């Protein structure tokens, strides 16, 4: 079985990919954790708890900064690739052995085993080749059978498939 997909990228797709990456990697949990840490920091500062206040402040700041850096890094990476494209059309070829993408930026073919994880959102799917490197699949124009094929190839035997709610 083989699928040929011709998909178009736009700025909205790029924004969605960055937002979905951040949601999957950090999400609301991070906002809650930084908020709780900030409240604890304020209490510690109010009661003058010395070095503990500074240490806690540093931890809260570093966690928030890491989350922000991850967002900025992925945004810069994705929009950089998008701006390099002369034509925002990407041709995907899915077959039993590999996944291939071809665009004005270049050509890439990889075996299914190189995709370690799939994050499924309602508007885009993120196909991870390492912890922080992923391929964006916009879902407009992708048939249900192609989605099922992709999910089956990535999910067996080594890949991990995660479903996310888009809020």
Foldseek 3Di string as FASTA:
>chain_A
DKDKFKDFDDVVLLVVVLVVVLCVVPNPVLVVVLVVLVVVLVVCVVVVVDPVSVVSVVVSVVSVVVSVVLSVVSSCVSVVVCVPFPGRMWMWMDDPFWIWIQGSVGIDIDGLVQFAEWEDEPAWIWTDSDDNDTDIGGCVRPDPVNVVVNCVSNVPPRHYYHYDYDD
